[in-house]
């Protein structure tokens, strides 16, 4: 005859096992969250750095985007989307449309604004920076839209 203690664990033993399983799941979730946070921080650090592209290459890329949009019958195109952490005030001045909002830009968004200001603005192009989502009611990502016509 088989010993019932070997076949059927006690409720207390099952509770311990369930708690251990839950702890393992929570630990794995914490590891995944930490890895995602580290990846996001690394990306933000990268986006805060200059692109390293020449002015000619930046203009060439802008021209390609504009020409593709025109071929598709568009009069404007969203050229970039970035996290509000790339603004010194997390997008507050952009959201409030305050004069001087462009001074809050850092990294690639600042570089893109400067490209527009130096080369595209004199040729009649318009640019708009606007908050494009509001997670939890707070400003989130910012979109850059280039307009003509």
N, C-alpha and C. Protein backbone atom coordinates (compact mmCIF):
# COMPACT_ATOMS: atom_id res chain seq x y z
N UNK A 1 0.83 -1.17 0.00
CA UNK A 1 0.00 0.00 0.00
C UNK A 1 0.89 1.26 0.00
N UNK A 2 0.45 2.29 -0.71
CA UNK A 2 1.20 3.53 -0.85
C UNK A 2 0.91 4.44 0.33
N UNK A 3 1.96 5.12 0.75
CA UNK A 3 1.83 6.09 1.86
C UNK A 3 1.10 7.33 1.34
N UNK A 4 0.01 7.71 1.97
CA UNK A 4 -0.80 8.85 1.53
C UNK A 4 -0.02 10.16 1.61
N UNK A 5 0.94 10.27 2.52
CA UNK A 5 1.75 11.50 2.63
C UNK A 5 2.62 11.71 1.40
N UNK A 6 2.97 10.63 0.72
CA UNK A 6 3.75 10.75 -0.51
C UNK A 6 2.87 11.11 -1.69
N UNK A 7 1.62 10.67 -1.68
CA UNK A 7 0.71 10.96 -2.78
C UNK A 7 0.05 12.33 -2.68
N UNK A 8 -0.28 12.72 -1.50
CA UNK A 8 -1.07 13.94 -1.31
C UNK A 8 -0.38 14.86 -0.31
N UNK A 9 0.20 15.96 -0.84
CA UNK A 9 0.86 16.89 0.08
C UNK A 9 -0.19 17.62 0.93
N UNK A 10 0.28 18.18 2.00
CA UNK A 10 -0.64 18.92 2.86
C UNK A 10 -0.98 20.26 2.22
N UNK A 11 -2.05 20.83 2.68
CA UNK A 11 -2.46 22.15 2.19
C UNK A 11 -1.35 23.18 2.46
N UNK A 12 -0.69 23.07 3.58
CA UNK A 12 0.39 23.99 3.94
C UNK A 12 1.55 23.86 2.94
N UNK A 13 1.88 22.61 2.56
CA UNK A 13 2.94 22.40 1.57
C UNK A 13 2.57 22.99 0.22
N UNK A 14 1.33 22.85 -0.17
CA UNK A 14 0.85 23.40 -1.44
C UNK A 14 0.90 24.93 -1.39
N UNK A 15 0.53 25.52 -0.27
CA UNK A 15 0.58 26.98 -0.14
C UNK A 15 2.02 27.47 -0.28
N UNK A 16 2.97 26.74 0.33
CA UNK A 16 4.38 27.12 0.21
C UNK A 16 4.83 27.04 -1.25
N UNK A 17 4.43 25.99 -1.92
CA UNK A 17 4.80 25.81 -3.31
C UNK A 17 4.21 26.93 -4.17
N UNK A 18 2.96 27.28 -3.93
CA UNK A 18 2.30 28.35 -4.68
C UNK A 18 3.00 29.68 -4.42
N UNK A 19 3.38 29.93 -3.16
CA UNK A 19 4.08 31.17 -2.82
C UNK A 19 5.44 31.23 -3.53
N UNK A 20 6.15 30.14 -3.58
CA UNK A 20 7.43 30.10 -4.28
C UNK A 20 7.26 30.36 -5.77
N UNK A 21 6.22 29.76 -6.36
CA UNK A 21 5.94 29.99 -7.78
C UNK A 21 5.63 31.46 -8.04
N UNK A 22 4.83 32.06 -7.18
CA UNK A 22 4.49 33.48 -7.33
C UNK A 22 5.73 34.35 -7.18
N UNK A 23 6.58 34.02 -6.23
CA UNK A 23 7.82 34.79 -6.01
C UNK A 23 8.72 34.70 -7.24
N UNK A 24 8.81 33.52 -7.84
CA UNK A 24 9.62 33.35 -9.05
C UNK A 24 9.07 34.19 -10.20
N UNK A 25 7.74 34.19 -10.34
CA UNK A 25 7.11 34.99 -11.40
C UNK A 25 7.38 36.48 -11.17
N UNK A 26 7.24 36.93 -9.92
CA UNK A 26 7.47 38.34 -9.60
C UNK A 26 8.93 38.71 -9.85
N UNK A 27 9.84 37.81 -9.51
CA UNK A 27 11.26 38.05 -9.73
C UNK A 27 11.57 38.16 -11.22
N UNK A 28 10.98 37.30 -12.01
CA UNK A 28 11.18 37.34 -13.46
C UNK A 28 10.62 38.63 -14.04
N UNK A 29 9.46 39.03 -13.56
CA UNK A 29 8.85 40.29 -14.02
C UNK A 29 9.74 41.46 -13.65
N UNK A 30 10.29 41.46 -12.46
CA UNK A 30 11.18 42.53 -12.03
C UNK A 30 12.44 42.57 -12.90
N UNK A 31 12.99 41.41 -13.26
CA UNK A 31 14.16 41.36 -14.14
C UNK A 31 13.82 41.94 -15.52
N UNK A 32 12.66 41.57 -16.05
CA UNK A 32 12.25 42.07 -17.36
C UNK A 32 12.04 43.58 -17.33
N UNK A 33 11.42 44.07 -16.27
CA UNK A 33 11.19 45.51 -16.13
C UNK A 33 12.51 46.25 -16.03
N UNK A 34 13.43 45.73 -15.24
CA UNK A 34 14.74 46.36 -15.10
C UNK A 34 15.49 46.38 -16.43
N UNK A 35 15.40 45.30 -17.18
CA UNK A 35 16.06 45.23 -18.49
C UNK A 35 15.44 46.24 -19.45
N UNK A 36 14.12 46.36 -19.45
CA UNK A 36 13.44 47.31 -20.32
C UNK A 36 13.79 48.75 -19.93
N UNK A 37 13.85 49.02 -18.64
CA UNK A 37 14.22 50.36 -18.17
C UNK A 37 15.65 50.69 -18.58
N UNK A 38 16.56 49.75 -18.46
CA UNK A 38 17.95 49.98 -18.85
C UNK A 38 18.05 50.24 -20.35
N UNK A 39 17.27 49.48 -21.14
CA UNK A 39 17.26 49.68 -22.59
C UNK A 39 16.72 51.06 -22.94
N UNK A 40 15.67 51.48 -22.24
CA UNK A 40 15.09 52.80 -22.50
C UNK A 40 16.08 53.91 -22.14
N UNK A 41 16.76 53.76 -20.99
CA UNK A 41 17.76 54.76 -20.59
C UNK A 41 18.89 54.84 -21.62
N UNK A 42 19.34 53.69 -22.12
CA UNK A 42 20.40 53.67 -23.12
C UNK A 42 19.95 54.36 -24.41
N UNK A 43 18.71 54.12 -24.81
CA UNK A 43 18.17 54.76 -26.00
C UNK A 43 18.09 56.27 -25.81
N UNK A 44 17.59 56.70 -24.66
CA UNK A 44 17.52 58.15 -24.39
C UNK A 44 18.91 58.76 -24.40
N UNK A 45 19.88 58.09 -23.81
CA UNK A 45 21.25 58.60 -23.81
C UNK A 45 21.75 58.74 -25.24
N UNK A 46 21.42 57.77 -26.08
CA UNK A 46 21.83 57.81 -27.48
C UNK A 46 21.15 58.97 -28.23
N UNK A 47 19.86 59.17 -27.96
CA UNK A 47 19.11 60.24 -28.63
C UNK A 47 19.53 61.63 -28.17
N UNK A 48 20.17 61.72 -27.01
CA UNK A 48 20.65 63.01 -26.51
C UNK A 48 21.95 63.43 -27.17
N UNK A 49 22.61 62.49 -27.85
CA UNK A 49 23.89 62.78 -28.50
C UNK A 49 23.64 63.32 -29.90
N UNK A 50 24.61 64.08 -30.43
CA UNK A 50 24.51 64.52 -31.83
C UNK A 50 24.46 63.32 -32.77
N UNK A 51 23.81 63.49 -33.90
CA UNK A 51 23.65 62.38 -34.85
C UNK A 51 24.96 61.99 -35.51
N UNK A 52 25.85 62.95 -35.64
CA UNK A 52 27.11 62.68 -36.33
C UNK A 52 27.00 62.80 -37.84
N UNK A 53 25.83 63.15 -38.34
CA UNK A 53 25.63 63.31 -39.78
C UNK A 53 26.11 64.69 -40.23
N UNK A 54 26.59 64.75 -41.46
CA UNK A 54 26.97 66.05 -42.03
C UNK A 54 25.69 66.83 -42.36
N UNK A 55 25.84 68.14 -42.52
CA UNK A 55 24.70 68.97 -42.90
C UNK A 55 24.14 68.50 -44.24
N UNK A 56 25.03 68.15 -45.16
CA UNK A 56 24.59 67.67 -46.47
C UNK A 56 23.74 66.40 -46.34
N UNK A 57 24.18 65.46 -45.50
CA UNK A 57 23.42 64.21 -45.32
C UNK A 57 22.08 64.49 -44.66
N UNK A 58 22.03 65.39 -43.71
CA UNK A 58 20.76 65.73 -43.05
C UNK A 58 19.79 66.31 -44.08
N UNK A 59 20.29 67.21 -44.91
CA UNK A 59 19.44 67.84 -45.94
C UNK A 59 18.96 66.78 -46.94
N UNK A 60 19.86 65.88 -47.32
CA UNK A 60 19.50 64.81 -48.26
C UNK A 60 18.38 63.95 -47.67
N UNK A 61 18.51 63.60 -46.40
CA UNK A 61 17.46 62.78 -45.76
C UNK A 61 16.14 63.53 -45.69
N UNK A 62 16.20 64.81 -45.33
CA UNK A 62 14.97 65.62 -45.28
C UNK A 62 14.33 65.67 -46.67
N UNK A 63 15.13 65.88 -47.69
CA UNK A 63 14.61 65.93 -49.05
C UNK A 63 13.94 64.62 -49.44
N UNK A 64 14.55 63.49 -49.08
CA UNK A 64 13.95 62.19 -49.39
C UNK A 64 12.59 62.03 -48.73
N UNK A 65 12.49 62.43 -47.47
CA UNK A 65 11.21 62.32 -46.75
C UNK A 65 10.16 63.19 -47.42
N UNK A 66 10.54 64.43 -47.74
CA UNK A 66 9.60 65.36 -48.37
C UNK A 66 9.15 64.84 -49.73
N UNK A 67 10.09 64.39 -50.56
CA UNK A 67 9.75 63.89 -51.90
C UNK A 67 8.83 62.68 -51.83
N UNK A 68 9.09 61.78 -50.89
CA UNK A 68 8.22 60.60 -50.74
C UNK A 68 6.81 61.03 -50.34
N UNK A 69 6.70 61.98 -49.43
CA UNK A 69 5.39 62.45 -49.00
C UNK A 69 4.64 63.11 -50.16
N UNK A 70 5.35 63.93 -50.94
CA UNK A 70 4.73 64.60 -52.08
C UNK A 70 4.22 63.57 -53.09
N UNK A 71 5.03 62.53 -53.34
CA UNK A 71 4.60 61.47 -54.28
C UNK A 71 3.33 60.77 -53.78
N UNK A 72 3.14 60.77 -52.48
CA UNK A 72 1.95 60.16 -51.89
C UNK A 72 0.80 61.16 -51.72
N UNK A 73 0.95 62.35 -52.27
CA UNK A 73 -0.11 63.33 -52.25
C UNK A 73 -0.28 64.05 -50.92
N UNK A 74 0.73 64.05 -50.09
CA UNK A 74 0.63 64.70 -48.78
C UNK A 74 1.14 66.13 -48.82
N UNK A 75 0.65 66.94 -47.87
CA UNK A 75 1.11 68.32 -47.72
C UNK A 75 1.83 68.52 -46.40
N UNK A 76 1.93 67.44 -45.65
CA UNK A 76 2.66 67.45 -44.39
C UNK A 76 3.01 66.01 -44.05
N UNK A 77 4.02 65.86 -43.18
CA UNK A 77 4.43 64.53 -42.79
C UNK A 77 5.04 64.60 -41.38
N UNK A 78 4.67 63.62 -40.57
CA UNK A 78 5.31 63.52 -39.26
C UNK A 78 6.68 62.91 -39.51
N UNK A 79 7.71 63.66 -39.16
CA UNK A 79 9.06 63.22 -39.46
C UNK A 79 9.76 62.56 -38.28
N UNK A 80 9.22 62.73 -37.09
CA UNK A 80 9.89 62.18 -35.92
C UNK A 80 8.92 62.14 -34.75
N UNK A 81 9.15 61.16 -33.89
CA UNK A 81 8.39 61.04 -32.65
C UNK A 81 9.42 60.72 -31.57
N UNK A 82 9.35 61.44 -30.46
CA UNK A 82 10.35 61.22 -29.42
C UNK A 82 9.74 61.37 -28.03
N UNK A 83 10.38 60.76 -27.04
CA UNK A 83 9.86 60.85 -25.68
C UNK A 83 10.07 62.25 -25.10
N UNK A 84 9.15 62.67 -24.26
CA UNK A 84 9.24 64.02 -23.69
C UNK A 84 10.46 64.20 -22.81
N UNK A 85 11.13 63.12 -22.46
CA UNK A 85 12.35 63.21 -21.64
C UNK A 85 13.48 63.90 -22.40
N UNK A 86 13.33 64.08 -23.72
CA UNK A 86 14.34 64.79 -24.49
C UNK A 86 14.11 66.29 -24.48
N UNK A 87 13.16 66.75 -23.68
CA UNK A 87 12.96 68.18 -23.43
C UNK A 87 13.35 68.44 -21.97
N UNK A 88 13.98 69.58 -21.75
CA UNK A 88 14.43 69.88 -20.39
C UNK A 88 13.26 70.03 -19.42
N UNK A 89 12.08 70.33 -19.93
CA UNK A 89 10.89 70.48 -19.07
C UNK A 89 9.86 69.38 -19.32
N UNK A 90 10.29 68.29 -19.96
CA UNK A 90 9.45 67.13 -20.28
C UNK A 90 8.23 67.51 -21.16
N UNK A 91 8.40 68.53 -21.99
CA UNK A 91 7.37 68.88 -22.95
C UNK A 91 6.36 69.91 -22.49
N UNK A 92 6.52 70.46 -21.29
CA UNK A 92 5.55 71.42 -20.76
C UNK A 92 5.43 72.65 -21.65
N UNK A 93 6.56 73.25 -22.05
CA UNK A 93 6.51 74.47 -22.87
C UNK A 93 5.89 74.20 -24.24
N UNK A 94 6.16 73.04 -24.81
CA UNK A 94 5.54 72.68 -26.09
C UNK A 94 4.04 72.54 -25.91
N UNK A 95 3.63 71.87 -24.85
CA UNK A 95 2.21 71.67 -24.59
C UNK A 95 1.49 73.00 -24.38
N UNK A 96 2.16 73.93 -23.72
CA UNK A 96 1.56 75.24 -23.44
C UNK A 96 1.77 76.24 -24.58
N UNK A 97 2.51 75.83 -25.61
CA UNK A 97 2.83 76.69 -26.76
C UNK A 97 3.49 77.99 -26.32
N UNK A 98 4.39 77.88 -25.36
CA UNK A 98 5.08 79.06 -24.84
C UNK A 98 6.14 79.54 -25.81
N UNK A 99 6.31 80.84 -25.90
CA UNK A 99 7.43 81.36 -26.70
C UNK A 99 8.75 80.82 -26.13
N UNK A 100 9.65 80.46 -27.00
CA UNK A 100 10.94 79.94 -26.57
C UNK A 100 10.94 78.45 -26.25
N UNK A 101 9.85 77.75 -26.58
CA UNK A 101 9.76 76.32 -26.30
C UNK A 101 10.92 75.55 -26.92
N UNK A 102 11.42 76.05 -28.07
CA UNK A 102 12.50 75.35 -28.77
C UNK A 102 13.79 75.27 -27.95
N UNK A 103 13.93 76.16 -26.98
CA UNK A 103 15.12 76.14 -26.12
C UNK A 103 15.10 74.95 -25.15
N UNK A 104 13.96 74.28 -25.02
CA UNK A 104 13.88 73.12 -24.13
C UNK A 104 14.30 71.82 -24.81
N UNK A 105 14.52 71.87 -26.13
CA UNK A 105 14.89 70.68 -26.89
C UNK A 105 16.34 70.28 -26.62
N UNK A 106 16.59 68.98 -26.64
CA UNK A 106 17.94 68.47 -26.53
C UNK A 106 18.15 67.40 -27.60
N UNK A 107 19.39 67.03 -27.83
CA UNK A 107 19.72 65.91 -28.70
C UNK A 107 19.18 66.02 -30.11
N UNK A 108 18.71 64.89 -30.63
CA UNK A 108 18.23 64.83 -32.02
C UNK A 108 17.07 65.78 -32.30
N UNK A 109 16.08 65.93 -31.39
CA UNK A 109 15.02 66.90 -31.68
C UNK A 109 15.55 68.32 -31.86
N UNK A 110 16.54 68.69 -31.06
CA UNK A 110 17.15 70.02 -31.19
C UNK A 110 17.86 70.13 -32.54
N UNK A 111 18.56 69.07 -32.93
CA UNK A 111 19.25 69.04 -34.22
C UNK A 111 18.25 69.18 -35.37
N UNK A 112 17.12 68.50 -35.25
CA UNK A 112 16.11 68.56 -36.30
C UNK A 112 15.50 69.96 -36.38
N UNK A 113 15.25 70.57 -35.23
CA UNK A 113 14.73 71.94 -35.23
C UNK A 113 15.72 72.88 -35.92
N UNK A 114 17.00 72.72 -35.59
CA UNK A 114 18.03 73.59 -36.16
C UNK A 114 18.13 73.40 -37.66
N UNK A 115 17.99 72.17 -38.14
CA UNK A 115 17.99 71.90 -39.58
C UNK A 115 16.84 72.64 -40.25
N UNK A 116 15.67 72.55 -39.65
CA UNK A 116 14.52 73.27 -40.20
C UNK A 116 14.80 74.78 -40.20
N UNK A 117 15.26 75.28 -39.07
CA UNK A 117 15.47 76.72 -38.92
C UNK A 117 16.49 77.24 -39.95
N UNK A 118 17.57 76.52 -40.15
CA UNK A 118 18.64 76.98 -41.03
C UNK A 118 18.34 76.79 -42.51
N UNK A 119 17.68 75.69 -42.88
CA UNK A 119 17.56 75.34 -44.29
C UNK A 119 16.13 75.26 -44.83
N UNK A 120 15.22 74.74 -44.04
CA UNK A 120 13.86 74.54 -44.54
C UNK A 120 12.97 75.76 -44.35
N UNK A 121 13.07 76.42 -43.23
CA UNK A 121 12.25 77.61 -42.94
C UNK A 121 12.45 78.68 -44.01
N UNK A 122 13.70 78.99 -44.41
CA UNK A 122 13.87 80.00 -45.46
C UNK A 122 13.24 79.60 -46.79
N UNK A 123 12.96 78.33 -46.96
CA UNK A 123 12.35 77.85 -48.20
C UNK A 123 10.83 77.67 -48.07
N UNK A 124 10.26 78.18 -47.00
CA UNK A 124 8.81 78.20 -46.84
C UNK A 124 8.20 77.03 -46.10
N UNK A 125 8.99 76.12 -45.58
CA UNK A 125 8.46 74.99 -44.83
C UNK A 125 8.09 75.42 -43.41
N UNK A 126 7.07 74.82 -42.89
CA UNK A 126 6.63 75.06 -41.50
C UNK A 126 6.94 73.80 -40.69
N UNK A 127 7.08 73.97 -39.39
CA UNK A 127 7.32 72.84 -38.51
C UNK A 127 6.40 72.97 -37.31
N UNK A 128 5.95 71.85 -36.82
CA UNK A 128 5.10 71.84 -35.62
C UNK A 128 5.61 70.75 -34.68
N UNK A 129 5.82 71.13 -33.44
CA UNK A 129 6.13 70.18 -32.38
C UNK A 129 4.89 70.13 -31.51
N UNK A 130 4.35 68.94 -31.27
CA UNK A 130 3.16 68.85 -30.42
C UNK A 130 3.14 67.54 -29.66
N UNK A 131 2.53 67.59 -28.49
CA UNK A 131 2.35 66.38 -27.69
C UNK A 131 1.34 65.52 -28.44
N UNK A 132 1.68 64.24 -28.65
CA UNK A 132 0.78 63.40 -29.43
C UNK A 132 0.12 62.30 -28.62
N UNK A 133 0.51 62.17 -27.36
CA UNK A 133 -0.25 61.28 -26.48
C UNK A 133 -0.12 61.77 -25.04
N UNK A 134 -1.08 61.37 -24.23
CA UNK A 134 -1.17 61.82 -22.85
C UNK A 134 -1.40 60.62 -21.93
N UNK A 135 -0.39 59.79 -21.72
CA UNK A 135 -0.59 58.64 -20.83
C UNK A 135 -0.84 59.11 -19.40
N UNK A 136 -1.90 58.61 -18.81
CA UNK A 136 -2.23 59.00 -17.44
C UNK A 136 -2.57 60.48 -17.31
N UNK A 137 -2.94 61.11 -18.43
CA UNK A 137 -3.30 62.53 -18.40
C UNK A 137 -2.11 63.48 -18.43
N UNK A 138 -0.91 62.94 -18.52
CA UNK A 138 0.30 63.75 -18.55
C UNK A 138 0.90 63.75 -19.95
N UNK A 139 1.61 64.84 -20.34
CA UNK A 139 2.23 64.86 -21.66
C UNK A 139 3.14 63.65 -21.87
N UNK A 140 3.03 63.06 -23.04
CA UNK A 140 3.84 61.89 -23.36
C UNK A 140 4.76 62.20 -24.53
N UNK A 141 4.70 61.38 -25.56
CA UNK A 141 5.58 61.56 -26.71
C UNK A 141 5.24 62.83 -27.46
N UNK A 142 6.26 63.33 -28.17
CA UNK A 142 6.13 64.55 -28.94
C UNK A 142 6.38 64.20 -30.41
N UNK A 143 5.54 64.75 -31.28
CA UNK A 143 5.69 64.52 -32.70
C UNK A 143 6.19 65.78 -33.38
N UNK A 144 7.02 65.59 -34.40
CA UNK A 144 7.50 66.71 -35.22
C UNK A 144 6.88 66.53 -36.59
N UNK A 145 6.12 67.53 -37.01
CA UNK A 145 5.47 67.50 -38.32
C UNK A 145 6.03 68.60 -39.19
N UNK A 146 6.41 68.25 -40.39
CA UNK A 146 6.90 69.20 -41.38
C UNK A 146 5.76 69.46 -42.36
N UNK A 147 5.53 70.76 -42.68
CA UNK A 147 4.39 71.13 -43.53
C UNK A 147 4.86 72.02 -44.68
N UNK A 148 4.16 71.91 -45.78
CA UNK A 148 4.35 72.78 -46.93
C UNK A 148 3.01 72.92 -47.61
N UNK A 149 2.86 73.95 -48.40
CA UNK A 149 1.60 74.12 -49.13
C UNK A 149 0.42 74.57 -48.32
